[in-house]
Amino acid sequence: MKRIIFYAAAILLFAGCVNGQPGSRNEYANLPKPAAGEAVATFGGGCFWSMSEAMSELKGVNKVVSGYAGGVTVRPSYEDVSSRTTGHAECVQVYYDPKVISFATLANAFFFAHDPTELNRQGPDEGTDYRSIAFYRTPEEKNILQETIKKINASKHYPEAIVTQLAPYKVFYAAEKYHQGYYRLNMDNPYITGVSVPKVMKFRKAEKAELKPEFAK
């Protein structure tokens, strides 16, 4: 019986982000327009629950919206993206103050908020919808991303080379409302405690100097 319970718990924990969500609730969040003086960046690095939390903890980041980007389907649902027929990846849109934090700092943090050396997966989550992808809006941002990858690869921080896809930004669709802020609202979810929390804790350690004071303790 103990062995059965152990295996059941393991399946629940490592089933992945898609099975950790509470079901279909197709009420989409609003996608805000940047405020005056605010800039926007878009990244995808596996399940957006932990990525959203990690990026929101950085100084200068005002808000983060979870959603979908990189594909062709218009206004996809979570289930659509999970089916891997849309071309989209789970992503986050970061609204930030460029006077406080630069795109280069955000880009560097992104590469430590997940494992950018895993191709089409992150931990227990497999598929192109969990791929590592970073979007650029200008040639300068593309260059920053390329240089950041070179720098991290040269540092040998990861034993394997970064496989993150770089793509020009086209469109971002906000995910359903229940995905927004999911990490903090669902700390009793086994996926959050077993997968997301360790990723965020690792991020805090790597990016301590860039965190808001309440997260840098």
Protein backbone atom coordinates (compact mmCIF):
# COMPACT_ATOMS: atom_id res chain seq x y z
CA MET A 1 0.00 0.00 0.00
CA LYS A 2 2.83 2.40 0.84
CA ARG A 3 4.38 1.73 -2.57
CA ILE A 4 1.06 2.47 -4.30
CA ILE A 5 0.73 5.75 -2.39
CA PHE A 6 4.30 6.71 -3.30
CA TYR A 7 3.77 6.11 -7.00
CA ALA A 8 0.46 7.95 -6.96
CA ALA A 9 2.12 10.96 -5.34
CA ALA A 10 4.95 10.86 -7.86
CA ILE A 11 2.53 10.79 -10.78
CA LEU A 12 0.61 13.75 -9.35
CA LEU A 13 3.75 15.77 -8.75
CA PHE A 14 5.49 15.15 -12.04
CA ALA A 15 2.49 14.97 -14.37
CA GLY A 16 3.41 18.45 -15.51
CA CYS A 17 1.98 21.93 -15.69
CA VAL A 18 -0.83 20.91 -18.04
CA ASN A 19 -2.22 18.43 -15.52
CA GLY A 20 -1.64 20.73 -12.58
CA GLN A 21 -4.16 23.29 -13.75
CA PRO A 22 -7.75 23.26 -12.44
CA GLY A 23 -9.68 22.72 -15.66
CA SER A 24 -11.10 24.73 -18.52
CA ARG A 25 -12.17 28.27 -17.62
CA ASN A 26 -12.07 30.19 -20.86
CA GLU A 27 -12.34 33.69 -19.42
CA TYR A 28 -9.30 35.52 -20.74
CA ALA A 29 -7.33 38.15 -18.87
CA ASN A 30 -7.06 41.63 -20.30
CA LEU A 31 -3.78 42.54 -21.94
CA PRO A 32 -2.85 46.00 -20.67
CA LYS A 33 -1.24 48.63 -22.85
CA PRO A 34 2.15 49.88 -21.65
CA ALA A 35 1.89 52.93 -19.42
CA ALA A 36 3.76 56.10 -20.26
CA GLY A 37 7.49 55.44 -20.00
CA GLU A 38 6.95 51.70 -19.62
CA ALA A 39 8.64 49.10 -21.85
CA VAL A 40 7.61 45.52 -22.62
CA ALA A 41 9.53 42.27 -23.06
CA THR A 42 8.28 38.77 -23.87
CA PHE A 43 9.86 35.46 -22.86
CA GLY A 44 8.92 31.79 -22.71
CA GLY A 45 10.66 29.28 -20.47
CA GLY A 46 8.41 26.36 -19.62
CA CYS A 47 5.32 26.54 -17.44
CA PHE A 48 4.44 30.20 -17.08
CA TRP A 49 3.44 29.91 -13.44
CA SER A 50 7.01 29.97 -12.15
CA MET A 51 8.36 32.20 -14.93
CA SER A 52 5.71 34.82 -14.17
CA GLU A 53 6.57 34.78 -10.48
CA ALA A 54 10.32 34.95 -11.06
CA MET A 55 10.21 37.90 -13.45
CA SER A 56 7.74 39.79 -11.25
CA GLU A 57 10.23 39.73 -8.37
CA LEU A 58 12.80 41.84 -10.23
CA LYS A 59 13.29 45.51 -9.35
CA GLY A 60 11.72 47.72 -11.99
CA VAL A 61 9.16 45.16 -13.13
CA ASN A 62 5.66 46.59 -12.70
CA LYS A 63 3.53 43.66 -13.82
CA VAL A 64 3.75 40.33 -15.63
CA VAL A 65 1.02 38.73 -17.73
CA SER A 66 0.99 35.00 -18.51
CA GLY A 67 -0.02 34.05 -22.02
CA TYR A 68 0.88 32.53 -25.37
CA ALA A 69 3.19 33.60 -28.19
CA GLY A 70 5.30 32.27 -31.02
CA GLY A 71 2.58 30.42 -32.92
CA VAL A 72 -0.07 30.99 -35.56
CA THR A 73 -3.43 30.31 -33.90
CA VAL A 74 -5.45 33.42 -33.07
CA ARG A 75 -6.72 33.70 -29.49
CA PRO A 76 -5.74 30.16 -28.38
CA SER A 77 -6.98 28.56 -25.17
CA TYR A 78 -4.79 26.75 -22.67
CA GLU A 79 -6.11 23.47 -24.02
CA ASP A 80 -5.32 24.53 -27.59
CA VAL A 81 -1.72 25.36 -26.70
CA SER A 82 -1.34 22.16 -24.69
CA SER A 83 -2.41 20.15 -27.76
CA ARG A 84 0.75 21.44 -29.52
CA THR A 85 -1.13 22.27 -32.70
CA THR A 86 -0.95 26.07 -32.39
CA GLY A 87 2.80 26.64 -32.52
CA HIS A 88 2.52 28.80 -29.40
CA ALA A 89 4.61 28.47 -26.26
CA GLU A 90 3.63 29.38 -22.73
CA CYS A 91 5.12 32.85 -22.29
CA VAL A 92 5.11 35.91 -20.07
CA GLN A 93 4.84 39.55 -21.04
CA VAL A 94 6.91 41.73 -18.73
CA TYR A 95 6.02 45.41 -18.22
CA TYR A 96 8.99 47.27 -16.79
CA ASP A 97 10.52 50.65 -16.11
CA PRO A 98 13.63 50.98 -18.32
CA LYS A 99 14.94 53.65 -15.94
CA VAL A 100 15.18 50.99 -13.23
CA ILE A 101 15.92 47.80 -15.13
CA SER A 102 17.31 47.35 -18.62
CA PHE A 103 16.32 44.84 -21.27
CA ALA A 104 19.80 43.34 -20.90
CA THR A 105 19.23 42.71 -17.20
CA LEU A 106 15.83 41.20 -17.90
CA ALA A 107 17.31 38.96 -20.59
CA ASN A 108 20.06 37.77 -18.28
CA ALA A 109 17.52 37.02 -15.55
CA PHE A 110 15.36 35.09 -18.00
CA PHE A 111 18.19 32.67 -18.71
CA PHE A 112 18.44 31.91 -14.98
CA ALA A 113 14.68 31.61 -14.42
CA HIS A 114 14.64 28.27 -16.27
CA ASP A 115 17.02 25.81 -17.91
CA PRO A 116 17.66 27.21 -21.40
CA THR A 117 19.62 24.11 -22.44
CA GLU A 118 16.58 21.82 -22.47
CA LEU A 119 15.05 21.45 -25.93
CA ASN A 120 11.24 21.54 -26.04
CA ARG A 121 10.85 20.72 -22.37
CA GLN A 122 11.33 21.98 -18.84
CA GLY A 123 11.65 19.32 -16.18
CA PRO A 124 8.49 17.18 -16.20
CA ASP A 125 6.88 19.33 -18.92
CA GLU A 126 7.53 18.13 -22.47
CA GLY A 127 6.57 19.60 -25.84
CA THR A 128 7.13 22.64 -28.01
CA ASP A 129 4.66 24.61 -25.89
CA TYR A 130 7.30 24.48 -23.13
CA ARG A 131 10.21 25.49 -25.33
CA SER A 132 12.67 28.17 -24.35
CA ILE A 133 12.03 31.23 -26.49
CA ALA A 134 12.93 34.91 -26.27
CA PHE A 135 11.38 37.61 -28.43
CA TYR A 136 12.99 40.80 -29.66
CA ARG A 137 11.29 43.97 -30.82
CA THR A 138 14.34 45.76 -32.19
CA PRO A 139 17.70 44.80 -33.72
CA GLU A 140 19.31 46.04 -30.50
CA GLU A 141 17.28 43.61 -28.39
CA LYS A 142 18.20 40.76 -30.75
CA ASN A 143 21.87 41.64 -30.35
CA ILE A 144 21.52 41.78 -26.56
CA LEU A 145 19.96 38.31 -26.51
CA GLN A 146 22.67 36.88 -28.74
CA GLU A 147 25.45 38.43 -26.65
CA THR A 148 23.85 37.22 -23.42
CA ILE A 149 23.72 33.67 -24.75
CA LYS A 150 27.38 33.87 -25.77
CA LYS A 151 28.35 35.16 -22.35
CA ILE A 152 26.47 32.47 -20.43
CA ASN A 153 27.72 29.71 -22.70
CA ALA A 154 31.30 30.93 -22.23
CA SER A 155 30.85 30.98 -18.45
CA LYS A 156 29.98 27.26 -18.46
CA HIS A 157 27.21 27.96 -15.96
CA TYR A 158 25.25 25.23 -17.71
CA PRO A 159 27.05 22.04 -18.79
CA GLU A 160 25.24 22.12 -22.14
CA ALA A 161 24.84 24.92 -24.69
CA ILE A 162 21.76 27.16 -24.63
CA VAL A 163 19.09 26.14 -27.16
CA THR A 164 16.73 29.09 -26.67
CA GLN A 165 14.88 30.13 -29.82
CA LEU A 166 15.18 33.82 -30.70
CA ALA A 167 12.24 35.22 -32.65
CA PRO A 168 10.90 38.62 -33.71
CA TYR A 169 7.92 39.66 -31.63
CA LYS A 170 4.60 39.48 -33.48
CA VAL A 171 1.73 38.98 -31.07
CA PHE A 172 1.06 37.92 -27.50
CA TYR A 173 -2.26 36.55 -26.26
CA ALA A 174 -3.08 36.83 -22.58
CA ALA A 175 -3.95 33.52 -20.97
CA GLU A 176 -7.10 32.78 -19.02
CA LYS A 177 -7.66 34.77 -15.83
CA TYR A 178 -7.03 31.84 -13.50
CA HIS A 179 -3.44 31.57 -14.76
CA GLN A 180 -2.58 35.11 -13.71
CA GLY A 181 -0.66 35.14 -10.41
CA TYR A 182 -1.27 31.40 -10.16
CA TYR A 183 1.96 30.72 -8.25
CA ARG A 184 1.08 32.80 -5.19
CA LEU A 185 -2.59 31.85 -5.19
CA ASN A 186 -2.04 28.09 -5.31
CA MET A 187 0.81 27.26 -2.98
CA ASP A 188 -0.99 24.06 -1.99
CA ASN A 189 -0.83 22.71 -5.56
CA PRO A 190 1.65 19.76 -5.64
CA TYR A 191 3.10 20.99 -8.93
CA ILE A 192 3.75 24.44 -7.47
CA THR A 193 5.39 23.11 -4.31
CA GLY A 194 7.34 20.35 -6.06
CA VAL A 195 8.39 22.01 -9.32
CA SER A 196 7.71 25.76 -9.37
CA VAL A 197 8.94 26.70 -5.90
CA PRO A 198 12.40 25.13 -6.35
CA LYS A 199 12.78 27.00 -9.66
CA VAL A 200 11.86 30.33 -8.05
CA MET A 201 14.17 29.71 -5.09
CA LYS A 202 17.03 28.94 -7.48
CA PHE A 203 16.23 32.12 -9.40
CA ARG A 204 16.30 34.22 -6.24
CA LYS A 205 19.74 32.89 -5.38
CA ALA A 206 21.10 33.63 -8.86
CA GLU A 207 19.52 37.08 -9.19
CA LYS A 208 19.62 38.30 -5.59
CA ALA A 209 21.18 41.67 -6.48
CA GLU A 210 18.34 42.41 -8.93
CA LEU A 211 15.42 41.45 -6.69
CA LYS A 212 12.91 43.70 -5.00
CA PRO A 213 13.83 44.01 -1.29
CA GLU A 214 11.08 41.70 -0.06
CA PHE A 215 12.46 38.83 -2.14
CA ALA A 216 16.17 39.42 -1.54
CA LYS A 217 16.13 38.34 2.11
